[in-house]
Amino acid sequence: MRVSRRVATTTALGTAGAVGASVGFLFGETVLARRLIGVTDARPPSPDGLYGDNLPGETVRLLVLGDSAAVGYGMQTQMTTPPALLGWGLAQMVQGPVEVRSVAVVGAESSDLAEQVDRGLGFGADVAVIVIGANDVTHLKSMTHAVDELQVAISRLVAAGTDVVLGTCPDLGTVKPLMQPLRSIARLQSRRMARKQTVGAIEAGARTVSLGSLLAPMFSEYHELFFGDDRFHPSASGYASMVGALLPSLADAIHERRSEPLEARTGDAEEMMPVTEAAEEASQRSGTEVRRAGRWAGVLRRLR
């Protein structure tokens, strides 16, 4: 009996030591990665304003919420920021002016969305874009709490009459300064966050667009092109690619809001499935949109 207890104690101590060593190793890698990534003090100019004011259609009000990806961290001109690109692109797609208001904040986590919604509700947006989640993953926040906070933010916007499009958490496993095994863990956790966000957002009344699986191959293969000077945030090309994934869903939301016929797009194919299955499908497929369809979810695979 004493031998068994001694073996069990030794095993437990060995396991605890291994876990402690792993945590210490990952912490060290995280510190090193932050030093390698660095920080730029540049802040992009405000993208707020009217885009496509020469177009004949009814004006659309677009609200942008989220973190540095929504802000366009690292950009030096207004027209290279995601909110400005979204405003200009949406104006062309709906053939009408788009008024943009951005309340996104660099470094924001899901817990910061409540304050952003407070600031944006008075704008009376027709449609809102949210890009959030990366900082929750990198700061080791509870995914359950993060998704709960996201759901509350979406529900408030929907209750105010705003359609919501969520760009889910990007694939952080594409960040080169992250060494293994931290990069693999970052990839698993960010994809897990994206799946949870999809389920939560659909339940709250939003539609989602998978950003991680769309951007990851390009970020990995063309790293110098799609990442900015700090090697963590996207370059202008990377932000433009993200915007290109979001625009069709935004345009569809406006067309449906106006009860207008949707423009047929080559390659679009919608399939109905349970929400959790749809979330898994979106995490594996580039640019997939998921929207509520009764008790099910409609999965729209757009050709990119």
Protein backbone atom coordinates (compact mmCIF):
# COMPACT_ATOMS: atom_id res chain seq x y z
CA MET A 1 0.00 0.00 0.00
CA ARG A 2 2.81 2.40 0.94
CA VAL A 3 4.57 1.60 -2.34
CA SER A 4 1.41 2.34 -4.31
CA ARG A 5 0.95 5.65 -2.51
CA ARG A 6 4.59 6.52 -3.12
CA VAL A 7 4.24 5.74 -6.84
CA ALA A 8 1.04 7.79 -7.04
CA THR A 9 2.65 10.72 -5.25
CA THR A 10 5.71 10.58 -7.46
CA THR A 11 3.53 10.43 -10.58
CA ALA A 12 1.45 13.38 -9.43
CA LEU A 13 4.53 15.43 -8.64
CA GLY A 14 6.04 14.53 -11.99
CA THR A 15 2.87 15.54 -13.83
CA ALA A 16 2.65 18.81 -11.92
CA GLY A 17 6.28 19.50 -12.69
CA ALA A 18 5.78 18.80 -16.38
CA VAL A 19 2.74 21.09 -16.53
CA GLY A 20 4.64 23.80 -14.68
CA ALA A 21 7.58 23.48 -17.03
CA SER A 22 5.26 23.67 -20.06
CA VAL A 23 3.53 26.77 -18.74
CA GLY A 24 6.90 28.38 -18.01
CA PHE A 25 8.15 27.49 -21.48
CA LEU A 26 5.06 28.94 -23.17
CA PHE A 27 5.25 32.08 -21.04
CA GLY A 28 8.87 32.55 -22.08
CA GLU A 29 7.95 32.10 -25.74
CA THR A 30 5.12 34.62 -25.37
CA VAL A 31 7.47 37.24 -23.90
CA LEU A 32 9.99 36.61 -26.69
CA ALA A 33 7.29 36.87 -29.35
CA ARG A 34 6.08 40.21 -27.99
CA ARG A 35 9.64 41.56 -28.15
CA LEU A 36 10.05 40.34 -31.72
CA ILE A 37 6.70 41.71 -32.87
CA GLY A 38 7.29 45.18 -31.52
CA VAL A 39 4.88 48.09 -31.59
CA THR A 40 4.28 51.03 -33.91
CA ASP A 41 2.97 54.30 -32.47
CA ALA A 42 1.29 55.28 -35.75
CA ARG A 43 -2.48 55.65 -35.60
CA PRO A 44 -4.52 55.90 -38.79
CA PRO A 45 -6.56 59.03 -39.46
CA SER A 46 -10.27 58.88 -38.68
CA PRO A 47 -12.28 57.07 -41.38
CA ASP A 48 -15.55 58.70 -40.33
CA GLY A 49 -17.36 60.36 -43.18
CA LEU A 50 -19.55 59.93 -46.25
CA TYR A 51 -18.43 57.66 -49.11
CA GLY A 52 -19.99 57.56 -52.56
CA ASP A 53 -21.82 60.85 -52.09
CA ASN A 54 -22.22 61.13 -55.87
CA LEU A 55 -24.27 57.92 -56.05
CA PRO A 56 -28.06 58.13 -56.46
CA GLY A 57 -29.29 55.59 -53.89
CA GLU A 58 -30.51 55.97 -50.33
CA THR A 59 -27.79 56.64 -47.74
CA VAL A 60 -26.68 53.68 -45.62
CA ARG A 61 -25.26 54.17 -42.14
CA LEU A 62 -22.41 51.79 -41.29
CA LEU A 63 -21.03 51.35 -37.76
CA VAL A 64 -17.65 49.63 -37.23
CA LEU A 65 -16.75 48.08 -33.87
CA GLY A 66 -13.91 45.89 -32.63
CA ASP A 67 -10.16 45.82 -32.18
CA SER A 68 -7.05 46.90 -34.09
CA ALA A 69 -8.06 44.88 -37.16
CA ALA A 70 -11.27 46.92 -37.34
CA VAL A 71 -9.33 50.16 -36.76
CA GLY A 72 -6.66 49.44 -39.36
CA TYR A 73 -3.72 49.66 -36.97
CA GLY A 74 -0.54 50.62 -38.78
CA MET A 75 -2.20 52.39 -41.72
CA GLN A 76 -1.14 55.97 -42.45
CA THR A 77 -3.92 57.08 -44.79
CA GLN A 78 -7.67 57.16 -44.35
CA MET A 79 -8.47 55.14 -47.48
CA THR A 80 -6.30 52.18 -46.46
CA THR A 81 -8.23 51.63 -43.21
CA PRO A 82 -10.90 48.88 -43.11
CA PRO A 83 -13.78 51.27 -42.18
CA ALA A 84 -13.01 53.51 -45.16
CA LEU A 85 -12.63 50.54 -47.51
CA LEU A 86 -15.90 49.09 -46.21
CA GLY A 87 -17.67 52.42 -46.73
CA TRP A 88 -16.37 52.92 -50.26
CA GLY A 89 -16.89 49.30 -51.29
CA LEU A 90 -20.40 49.05 -49.84
CA ALA A 91 -21.36 52.30 -51.59
CA GLN A 92 -20.40 50.77 -54.94
CA MET A 93 -22.29 47.55 -54.21
CA VAL A 94 -25.57 49.20 -53.14
CA GLN A 95 -25.15 52.20 -55.48
CA GLY A 96 -25.77 54.71 -52.75
CA PRO A 97 -23.83 56.86 -50.27
CA VAL A 98 -22.51 55.17 -47.11
CA GLU A 99 -21.92 57.16 -43.94
CA VAL A 100 -19.27 55.50 -41.76
CA ARG A 101 -18.78 55.82 -38.03
CA SER A 102 -16.00 53.81 -36.35
CA VAL A 103 -15.91 53.22 -32.59
CA ALA A 104 -13.34 50.41 -32.79
CA VAL A 105 -10.34 50.66 -30.44
CA VAL A 106 -6.81 49.28 -30.76
CA GLY A 107 -6.26 46.50 -28.21
CA ALA A 108 -9.98 45.99 -27.54
CA GLU A 109 -11.27 42.74 -26.10
CA SER A 110 -14.84 41.47 -26.16
CA SER A 111 -15.42 43.05 -22.75
CA ASP A 112 -14.85 46.47 -24.38
CA LEU A 113 -17.73 46.05 -26.81
CA ALA A 114 -20.27 47.31 -24.26
CA GLU A 115 -18.64 50.75 -24.20
CA GLN A 116 -18.31 50.77 -27.99
CA VAL A 117 -22.01 49.99 -28.38
CA ASP A 118 -22.81 52.80 -25.92
CA ARG A 119 -20.88 55.20 -28.15
CA GLY A 120 -22.37 53.91 -31.39
CA LEU A 121 -26.08 53.45 -30.64
CA GLY A 122 -26.91 57.11 -31.15
CA PHE A 123 -25.60 56.90 -34.72
CA GLY A 124 -28.67 54.89 -35.76
CA ALA A 125 -26.73 52.49 -37.98
CA ASP A 126 -28.47 50.38 -40.60
CA VAL A 127 -25.70 47.79 -40.45
CA ALA A 128 -22.71 47.16 -38.17
CA VAL A 129 -19.46 45.26 -38.61
CA ILE A 130 -17.67 43.74 -35.63
CA VAL A 131 -14.15 42.29 -35.78
CA ILE A 132 -13.04 41.01 -32.37
CA GLY A 133 -11.49 38.05 -30.57
CA ALA A 134 -7.75 38.08 -31.23
CA ASN A 135 -6.90 39.94 -28.01
CA ASP A 136 -9.13 37.64 -25.98
CA VAL A 137 -7.03 34.73 -27.25
CA THR A 138 -3.63 36.36 -26.78
CA HIS A 139 -4.55 37.60 -23.29
CA LEU A 140 -5.90 34.18 -22.29
CA LYS A 141 -9.41 35.44 -21.55
CA SER A 142 -12.27 33.04 -20.91
CA MET A 143 -13.83 32.21 -24.27
CA THR A 144 -17.19 31.63 -22.62
CA HIS A 145 -17.16 35.09 -21.08
CA ALA A 146 -15.89 36.65 -24.31
CA VAL A 147 -18.70 35.12 -26.35
CA ASP A 148 -21.28 36.13 -23.73
CA GLU A 149 -20.08 39.74 -23.99
CA LEU A 150 -20.18 39.52 -27.78
CA GLN A 151 -23.75 38.21 -27.69
CA VAL A 152 -24.88 41.07 -25.44
CA ALA A 153 -23.34 43.63 -27.79
CA ILE A 154 -24.97 42.05 -30.85
CA SER A 155 -28.35 41.78 -29.10
CA ARG A 156 -28.27 45.48 -28.20
CA LEU A 157 -27.51 46.46 -31.78
CA VAL A 158 -30.18 44.17 -33.20
CA ALA A 159 -32.75 45.50 -30.72
CA ALA A 160 -31.93 49.01 -31.98
CA GLY A 161 -32.75 47.95 -35.54
CA THR A 162 -29.18 47.38 -36.78
CA ASP A 163 -28.18 44.36 -38.85
CA VAL A 164 -24.87 42.91 -37.66
CA VAL A 165 -22.06 41.15 -39.54
CA LEU A 166 -19.32 39.58 -37.42
CA GLY A 167 -15.85 38.87 -38.77
CA THR A 168 -14.74 35.96 -36.59
CA CYS A 169 -11.37 35.68 -34.86
CA PRO A 170 -8.46 35.45 -37.35
CA ASP A 171 -6.01 32.56 -37.38
CA LEU A 172 -3.18 33.66 -35.06
CA GLY A 173 -1.11 30.67 -36.10
CA THR A 174 0.01 32.70 -39.11
CA VAL A 175 2.06 35.15 -37.01
CA LYS A 176 5.69 34.27 -37.78
CA PRO A 177 7.32 35.66 -34.59
CA LEU A 178 5.39 33.03 -32.63
CA MET A 179 7.61 29.96 -32.27
CA GLN A 180 6.44 26.37 -31.90
CA PRO A 181 4.59 25.08 -29.99
CA LEU A 182 3.09 28.51 -29.24
CA ARG A 183 2.13 29.04 -32.88
CA SER A 184 0.20 25.76 -33.01
CA ILE A 185 -1.55 26.56 -29.74
CA ALA A 186 -2.44 30.02 -31.05
CA ARG A 187 -3.91 28.46 -34.18
CA LEU A 188 -6.01 25.94 -32.23
CA GLN A 189 -7.26 28.53 -29.76
CA SER A 190 -8.11 31.18 -32.36
CA ARG A 191 -10.05 28.64 -34.45
CA ARG A 192 -11.83 27.46 -31.34
CA MET A 193 -12.73 31.07 -30.55
CA ALA A 194 -14.04 31.55 -34.10
CA ARG A 195 -16.32 28.51 -33.79
CA LYS A 196 -17.71 29.68 -30.46
CA GLN A 197 -18.20 33.19 -31.81
CA THR A 198 -20.13 31.84 -34.78
CA VAL A 199 -22.58 29.92 -32.61
CA GLY A 200 -23.02 32.81 -30.18
CA ALA A 201 -23.42 35.45 -32.87
CA ILE A 202 -26.00 33.45 -34.83
CA GLU A 203 -28.02 32.91 -31.66
CA ALA A 204 -27.92 36.67 -30.99
CA GLY A 205 -29.20 37.52 -34.46
CA ALA A 206 -26.05 38.33 -36.47
CA ARG A 207 -24.51 36.71 -39.51
CA THR A 208 -20.84 35.75 -39.48
CA VAL A 209 -17.97 35.62 -41.96
CA SER A 210 -14.98 33.36 -41.37
CA LEU A 211 -11.81 35.45 -41.58
CA GLY A 212 -9.24 33.03 -40.21
CA SER A 213 -9.43 30.35 -42.86
CA LEU A 214 -9.64 32.95 -45.61
CA LEU A 215 -6.60 34.97 -44.60
CA ALA A 216 -4.36 32.25 -43.20
CA PRO A 217 -3.09 30.74 -46.49
CA MET A 218 -2.27 34.17 -47.93
CA PHE A 219 -0.66 35.37 -44.70
CA SER A 220 1.49 32.24 -44.53
CA GLU A 221 2.55 32.11 -48.18
CA TYR A 222 2.87 35.85 -48.81
CA HIS A 223 3.91 36.98 -45.34
CA GLU A 224 5.88 40.05 -46.42
CA LEU A 225 2.95 41.28 -48.54
CA PHE A 226 0.08 40.67 -46.15
CA PHE A 227 1.68 41.67 -42.84
CA GLY A 228 2.62 45.19 -41.79
CA ASP A 229 5.88 46.56 -40.41
CA ASP A 230 5.26 45.17 -36.91
CA ARG A 231 4.89 41.63 -38.39
CA PHE A 232 1.67 41.08 -36.42
CA HIS A 233 -0.98 43.35 -37.88
CA PRO A 234 -1.93 43.14 -41.57
CA SER A 235 -0.55 45.41 -44.25
CA ALA A 236 -2.84 47.47 -46.50
CA SER A 237 -3.20 44.43 -48.77
CA GLY A 238 -4.12 42.25 -45.81
CA TYR A 239 -6.78 44.67 -44.58
CA ALA A 240 -8.17 44.96 -48.10
CA SER A 241 -8.45 41.18 -48.28
CA MET A 242 -10.37 41.12 -44.99
CA VAL A 243 -12.72 43.82 -46.27
CA GLY A 244 -13.29 41.87 -49.48
CA ALA A 245 -14.52 38.92 -47.43
CA LEU A 246 -16.97 41.07 -45.44
CA LEU A 247 -18.46 43.22 -48.19
CA PRO A 248 -20.77 40.66 -49.88
CA SER A 249 -22.43 39.86 -46.56
CA LEU A 250 -22.86 43.57 -45.79
CA ALA A 251 -24.40 44.20 -49.19
CA ASP A 252 -26.76 41.24 -48.79
CA ALA A 253 -27.85 42.54 -45.38
CA ILE A 254 -28.75 45.91 -46.94
CA HIS A 255 -30.59 44.32 -49.88
CA GLU A 256 -32.58 42.10 -47.54
CA ARG A 257 -33.28 45.07 -45.27
CA ARG A 258 -34.77 46.91 -48.25
CA SER A 259 -36.56 43.78 -49.53
CA GLU A 260 -34.60 44.08 -52.76
CA PRO A 261 -33.67 41.06 -54.90
CA LEU A 262 -30.16 39.79 -54.17
CA GLU A 263 -27.57 39.91 -56.90
CA ALA A 264 -26.66 36.41 -58.07
CA ARG A 265 -22.96 35.70 -57.59
CA THR A 266 -21.17 32.92 -59.42
CA GLY A 267 -20.00 30.24 -57.03
CA ASP A 268 -22.43 31.00 -54.18
CA ALA A 269 -24.05 27.86 -52.80
CA GLU A 270 -26.11 27.76 -49.60
CA GLU A 271 -26.68 24.68 -47.46
CA MET A 272 -28.77 24.21 -44.31
CA MET A 273 -27.31 22.49 -41.26
CA PRO A 274 -27.28 22.69 -37.43
CA VAL A 275 -25.59 25.81 -36.07
CA THR A 276 -22.71 23.96 -34.40
CA GLU A 277 -22.03 22.03 -37.59
CA ALA A 278 -22.18 25.28 -39.56
CA ALA A 279 -19.62 26.84 -37.20
CA GLU A 280 -17.24 23.93 -37.78
CA GLU A 281 -17.77 24.17 -41.54
CA ALA A 282 -17.02 27.91 -41.50
CA SER A 283 -13.77 27.36 -39.59
CA GLN A 284 -12.58 25.04 -42.36
CA ARG A 285 -13.72 26.98 -45.41
CA SER A 286 -12.45 30.31 -46.72
CA GLY A 287 -14.86 33.26 -46.53
CA THR A 288 -17.86 31.21 -45.44
CA GLU A 289 -20.90 33.15 -44.28
CA VAL A 290 -23.24 31.68 -41.67
CA ARG A 291 -26.71 33.10 -41.04
CA ARG A 292 -29.75 32.05 -39.03
CA ALA A 293 -32.36 30.05 -40.97
CA GLY A 294 -35.13 29.18 -38.48
CA ARG A 295 -33.80 26.52 -36.11
CA TRP A 296 -30.96 25.82 -38.53
CA ALA A 297 -28.14 27.83 -40.06
CA GLY A 298 -27.64 28.72 -43.69
CA VAL A 299 -24.03 28.20 -44.81
CA LEU A 300 -23.07 30.26 -47.84
CA ARG A 301 -19.76 29.35 -49.45
CA ARG A 302 -18.66 32.29 -51.53
CA LEU A 303 -16.20 31.83 -54.38
CA ARG A 304 -13.15 34.04 -53.76
